[in-house]
C-alpha cells in the first residue's frame, strides 16, 4: 500500500467508526484521535545503518556478492 491508499483507508475507517459509534464510550475515540495524528518520522538510526552499510560495501566490495548470495 502507498500513502494515498493509507489515507483513503484511514478516511473510510474513520467514517465507518463515526457512523457506528454515536458517542459510545470506550476505545473508539482513541482510535479516531490516532487516525488524525501525523505519522512519526523515520528514526535517525535507520539513516546511520544505511550509511554504515554503504561504507562497508565501499571498503569491502566482495561482501556485496556474499550478501547477494544469501538473499
N, C-alpha and C. Protein backbone atom coordinates (compact mmCIF):
# COMPACT_ATOMS: atom_id res chain seq x y z
N UNK A 1 0.84 -1.17 0.00
CA UNK A 1 0.00 0.00 0.00
C UNK A 1 0.89 1.24 0.00
N UNK A 2 0.46 2.26 -0.69
CA UNK A 2 1.20 3.50 -0.68
C UNK A 2 0.49 4.52 0.20
N UNK A 3 1.04 5.74 0.26
CA UNK A 3 0.48 6.76 1.15
C UNK A 3 -0.96 7.12 0.77
N UNK A 4 -1.22 7.17 -0.53
CA UNK A 4 -2.57 7.51 -0.98
C UNK A 4 -3.58 6.46 -0.50
N UNK A 5 -3.20 5.19 -0.63
CA UNK A 5 -4.09 4.12 -0.16
C UNK A 5 -4.27 4.18 1.36
N UNK A 6 -3.18 4.51 2.08
CA UNK A 6 -3.28 4.63 3.54
C UNK A 6 -4.25 5.72 3.93
N UNK A 7 -4.19 6.87 3.25
CA UNK A 7 -5.10 7.97 3.58
C UNK A 7 -6.55 7.58 3.28
N UNK A 8 -6.78 6.94 2.14
CA UNK A 8 -8.13 6.52 1.78
C UNK A 8 -8.66 5.52 2.80
N UNK A 9 -7.82 4.58 3.21
CA UNK A 9 -8.22 3.58 4.21
C UNK A 9 -8.53 4.25 5.54
N UNK A 10 -7.70 5.20 5.96
CA UNK A 10 -7.92 5.89 7.23
C UNK A 10 -9.23 6.68 7.19
N UNK A 11 -9.50 7.35 6.06
CA UNK A 11 -10.75 8.10 5.95
C UNK A 11 -11.96 7.18 6.00
N UNK A 12 -11.89 6.05 5.27
CA UNK A 12 -13.01 5.12 5.26
C UNK A 12 -13.23 4.51 6.64
N UNK A 13 -12.15 4.17 7.32
CA UNK A 13 -12.26 3.61 8.66
C UNK A 13 -12.84 4.63 9.63
N UNK A 14 -12.38 5.86 9.52
CA UNK A 14 -12.88 6.91 10.40
C UNK A 14 -14.38 7.14 10.17
N UNK A 15 -14.79 7.18 8.90
CA UNK A 15 -16.21 7.37 8.59
C UNK A 15 -17.06 6.24 9.16
N UNK A 16 -16.60 5.02 8.98
CA UNK A 16 -17.39 3.88 9.47
C UNK A 16 -17.45 3.85 11.00
N UNK A 17 -16.34 4.21 11.66
CA UNK A 17 -16.34 4.23 13.12
C UNK A 17 -17.24 5.32 13.66
N UNK A 18 -17.22 6.49 13.01
CA UNK A 18 -18.07 7.59 13.48
C UNK A 18 -19.55 7.24 13.30
N UNK A 19 -19.89 6.59 12.22
CA UNK A 19 -21.28 6.25 11.98
C UNK A 19 -21.76 5.15 12.93
N UNK A 20 -20.88 4.24 13.30
CA UNK A 20 -21.31 3.11 14.11
C UNK A 20 -21.26 3.39 15.61
N UNK A 21 -20.48 4.36 16.05
CA UNK A 21 -20.32 4.55 17.49
C UNK A 21 -21.36 5.46 18.11
N UNK A 22 -21.62 6.59 17.51
CA UNK A 22 -22.59 7.55 18.03
C UNK A 22 -22.35 7.85 19.51
N UNK A 23 -21.13 8.33 19.81
CA UNK A 23 -20.73 8.78 21.15
C UNK A 23 -20.75 7.67 22.20
N UNK A 24 -20.41 6.48 21.81
CA UNK A 24 -20.27 5.40 22.80
C UNK A 24 -18.94 5.55 23.51
N UNK A 25 -18.90 5.26 24.80
CA UNK A 25 -17.61 5.29 25.50
C UNK A 25 -16.78 4.07 25.12
N UNK A 26 -15.49 4.19 25.29
CA UNK A 26 -14.62 3.06 25.03
C UNK A 26 -13.41 3.46 24.20
N UNK A 27 -12.77 2.49 23.59
CA UNK A 27 -11.51 2.76 22.89
C UNK A 27 -11.69 3.43 21.52
N UNK A 28 -12.90 3.53 21.01
CA UNK A 28 -13.10 4.06 19.66
C UNK A 28 -12.66 5.52 19.54
N UNK A 29 -12.96 6.41 20.50
CA UNK A 29 -12.46 7.78 20.37
C UNK A 29 -10.93 7.85 20.31
N UNK A 30 -10.26 6.97 21.02
CA UNK A 30 -8.79 6.94 20.97
C UNK A 30 -8.32 6.53 19.59
N UNK A 31 -9.01 5.61 18.96
CA UNK A 31 -8.65 5.19 17.60
C UNK A 31 -8.85 6.35 16.64
N UNK A 32 -9.93 7.09 16.79
CA UNK A 32 -10.19 8.23 15.92
C UNK A 32 -9.13 9.31 16.10
N UNK A 33 -8.72 9.56 17.35
CA UNK A 33 -7.66 10.55 17.58
C UNK A 33 -6.36 10.10 16.95
N UNK A 34 -6.07 8.82 17.02
CA UNK A 34 -4.83 8.30 16.44
C UNK A 34 -4.84 8.43 14.93
N UNK A 35 -6.00 8.26 14.30
CA UNK A 35 -6.09 8.42 12.85
C UNK A 35 -5.85 9.86 12.43
N UNK A 36 -6.18 10.81 13.31
CA UNK A 36 -5.99 12.22 12.98
C UNK A 36 -4.55 12.69 13.15
N UNK A 37 -3.76 11.98 13.92
CA UNK A 37 -2.38 12.40 14.15
C UNK A 37 -1.50 12.06 12.96
N UNK A 38 -0.38 12.76 12.86
CA UNK A 38 0.55 12.52 11.77
C UNK A 38 1.43 11.32 12.09
N UNK A 39 1.97 10.73 11.05
CA UNK A 39 2.87 9.59 11.25
C UNK A 39 4.23 10.06 11.74
N UNK A 40 4.90 9.26 12.55
CA UNK A 40 6.22 9.66 13.05
C UNK A 40 7.27 9.62 11.93
N UNK A 41 8.29 10.44 12.11
CA UNK A 41 9.39 10.45 11.14
C UNK A 41 10.21 9.16 11.28
N UNK A 42 10.92 8.78 10.21
CA UNK A 42 11.83 7.63 10.34
C UNK A 42 12.93 7.95 11.35
N UNK A 43 13.38 6.95 12.02
CA UNK A 43 14.40 7.15 13.04
C UNK A 43 15.74 7.53 12.44
N UNK A 44 16.53 8.27 13.19
CA UNK A 44 17.86 8.66 12.76
C UNK A 44 18.73 7.41 12.64
N UNK A 45 18.43 6.40 13.45
CA UNK A 45 19.20 5.17 13.44
C UNK A 45 19.15 4.49 12.07
N UNK A 46 18.01 4.59 11.39
CA UNK A 46 17.89 3.99 10.07
C UNK A 46 18.88 4.61 9.11
N UNK A 47 19.03 5.93 9.14
CA UNK A 47 19.99 6.61 8.28
C UNK A 47 21.42 6.21 8.61
N UNK A 48 21.69 6.06 9.88
CA UNK A 48 23.04 5.64 10.28
C UNK A 48 23.35 4.23 9.81
N UNK A 49 22.38 3.33 9.89
CA UNK A 49 22.60 1.96 9.43
C UNK A 49 22.82 1.92 7.91
N UNK A 50 22.09 2.73 7.18
CA UNK A 50 22.27 2.78 5.73
C UNK A 50 23.66 3.31 5.39
N UNK A 51 24.09 4.36 6.09
CA UNK A 51 25.42 4.91 5.87
C UNK A 51 26.52 3.92 6.22
N UNK A 52 26.35 3.21 7.31
CA UNK A 52 27.33 2.21 7.72
C UNK A 52 27.41 1.09 6.69
N UNK A 53 26.25 0.63 6.21
CA UNK A 53 26.24 -0.43 5.21
C UNK A 53 26.92 0.03 3.92
N UNK A 54 26.63 1.25 3.50
CA UNK A 54 27.24 1.77 2.28
C UNK A 54 28.76 1.88 2.42
N UNK A 55 29.23 2.33 3.59
CA UNK A 55 30.67 2.46 3.77
C UNK A 55 31.36 1.09 3.83
N UNK A 56 30.71 0.10 4.44
CA UNK A 56 31.29 -1.26 4.48
C UNK A 56 31.38 -1.82 3.07
N UNK A 57 30.33 -1.63 2.26
CA UNK A 57 30.37 -2.12 0.89
C UNK A 57 31.39 -1.36 0.05
N UNK A 58 31.64 -0.10 0.40
CA UNK A 58 32.63 0.68 -0.33
C UNK A 58 34.03 0.17 -0.05
N UNK A 59 34.33 -0.16 1.20
CA UNK A 59 35.66 -0.63 1.56
C UNK A 59 35.87 -2.13 1.30
N UNK A 60 34.79 -2.90 1.33
CA UNK A 60 34.87 -4.34 1.10
C UNK A 60 33.86 -4.76 0.03
N UNK A 61 34.13 -4.49 -1.25
CA UNK A 61 33.15 -4.77 -2.30
C UNK A 61 32.85 -6.25 -2.47
N UNK A 62 33.73 -7.13 -2.03
CA UNK A 62 33.47 -8.56 -2.17
C UNK A 62 32.31 -9.01 -1.27
N UNK A 63 31.99 -8.22 -0.26
CA UNK A 63 30.86 -8.55 0.61
C UNK A 63 29.51 -8.41 -0.10
N UNK A 64 29.47 -7.61 -1.16
CA UNK A 64 28.23 -7.45 -1.91
C UNK A 64 27.78 -8.80 -2.47
N UNK A 65 28.72 -9.54 -3.02
CA UNK A 65 28.40 -10.87 -3.56
C UNK A 65 27.96 -11.82 -2.46
N UNK A 66 28.61 -11.74 -1.31
CA UNK A 66 28.25 -12.60 -0.18
C UNK A 66 26.81 -12.32 0.26
N UNK A 67 26.46 -11.05 0.42
CA UNK A 67 25.10 -10.71 0.83
C UNK A 67 24.08 -11.05 -0.26
N UNK A 68 24.44 -10.83 -1.51
CA UNK A 68 23.52 -11.17 -2.61
C UNK A 68 23.27 -12.66 -2.66
N UNK A 69 24.28 -13.47 -2.35
CA UNK A 69 24.13 -14.92 -2.34
C UNK A 69 23.11 -15.35 -1.28
N UNK A 70 23.11 -14.69 -0.15
CA UNK A 70 22.24 -15.07 0.95
C UNK A 70 20.83 -14.52 0.82
N UNK A 71 20.61 -13.65 -0.14
CA UNK A 71 19.25 -13.15 -0.35
C UNK A 71 18.51 -14.18 -1.14
